[in-house]
C-alpha cells in the first residue's frame, strides 16, 4: 500500500465531500458504504476497490477521475 498516495487521495476525497455538502452518513443511506468505511478512507487507514471508488463518485456526483485528480 502506498501511504503517500492514500493520504493524497484521502485529503482530496474529504475536500470534495465537504464542498458538495455530503455527510459521511449519506454514503450508507444512498449506497450502503458505512460511515466508518468512509472515515477510514478519509484518514488513509484503508484502501478501496474500484467498485467502491465508483460508488463514492456517484454519491458525490463527480467523475471517478476527479477523486484521483490531486498533486
Protein backbone atom coordinates (compact mmCIF):
# COMPACT_ATOMS: atom_id res chain seq x y z
CA UNK A 1 0.00 0.00 0.00
CA UNK A 2 1.40 3.40 -1.00
CA UNK A 3 0.73 5.54 2.07
CA UNK A 4 1.57 8.85 0.36
CA UNK A 5 -0.89 8.14 -2.46
CA UNK A 6 -3.60 7.13 0.01
CA UNK A 7 -3.07 10.30 2.04
CA UNK A 8 -3.40 12.50 -1.05
CA UNK A 9 -6.50 10.60 -2.15
CA UNK A 10 -7.98 10.86 1.34
CA UNK A 11 -7.42 14.62 1.50
CA UNK A 12 -8.96 15.10 -1.95
CA UNK A 13 -11.97 12.90 -1.16
CA UNK A 14 -12.68 14.77 2.06
CA UNK A 15 -12.36 18.16 0.34
CA UNK A 16 -14.74 17.17 -2.45
CA UNK A 17 -17.22 15.62 0.00
CA UNK A 18 -17.29 18.79 2.11
CA UNK A 19 -17.52 21.01 -0.97
CA UNK A 20 -20.55 19.01 -2.12
CA UNK A 21 -22.14 19.16 1.35
CA UNK A 22 -22.27 15.39 1.67
CA UNK A 23 -22.01 13.82 5.12
CA UNK A 24 -20.26 10.53 5.78
CA UNK A 25 -23.60 9.02 6.80
CA UNK A 26 -25.06 9.89 3.39
CA UNK A 27 -22.98 7.12 1.79
CA UNK A 28 -24.75 4.47 3.86
CA UNK A 29 -28.18 5.92 3.10
CA UNK A 30 -27.50 6.06 -0.64
CA UNK A 31 -25.28 3.07 -1.39
CA UNK A 32 -24.56 1.06 1.71
CA UNK A 33 -21.00 2.20 2.42
CA UNK A 34 -20.72 2.70 6.16
CA UNK A 35 -19.64 5.93 7.80
CA UNK A 36 -16.74 4.10 9.39
CA UNK A 37 -15.51 2.89 5.99
CA UNK A 38 -15.61 6.44 4.58
CA UNK A 39 -13.86 7.73 7.71
CA UNK A 40 -11.11 5.13 7.31
CA UNK A 41 -10.67 6.07 3.65
CA UNK A 42 -10.58 9.78 4.51
CA UNK A 43 -7.85 9.17 7.08
CA UNK A 44 -5.84 6.91 4.75
CA UNK A 45 -6.27 3.92 7.06
CA UNK A 46 -7.67 1.66 4.36
CA UNK A 47 -7.60 1.16 0.64
CA UNK A 48 -10.70 0.82 -1.54
CA UNK A 49 -11.68 -1.15 -4.61
CA UNK A 50 -12.51 0.37 -7.97
CA UNK A 51 -16.13 -0.58 -7.36
CA UNK A 52 -16.20 1.50 -4.18
CA UNK A 53 -14.42 4.35 -5.94
CA UNK A 54 -17.25 4.38 -8.50
CA UNK A 55 -19.91 4.30 -5.77
CA UNK A 56 -18.24 7.18 -3.92
CA UNK A 57 -18.01 9.19 -7.16
CA UNK A 58 -21.70 8.54 -7.87
CA UNK A 59 -22.75 9.70 -4.40
CA UNK A 60 -20.65 12.84 -4.78
CA UNK A 61 -21.90 13.32 -8.37
CA UNK A 62 -18.38 13.57 -9.77
CA UNK A 63 -16.42 11.57 -12.28
CA UNK A 64 -14.21 8.92 -10.62
CA UNK A 65 -11.14 10.58 -12.17
CA UNK A 66 -11.95 13.73 -10.17
CA UNK A 67 -11.27 11.79 -6.98
CA UNK A 68 -7.86 10.84 -8.32
CA UNK A 69 -7.01 14.33 -9.58
CA UNK A 70 -4.58 15.52 -6.94
CA UNK A 71 -0.97 16.59 -6.92
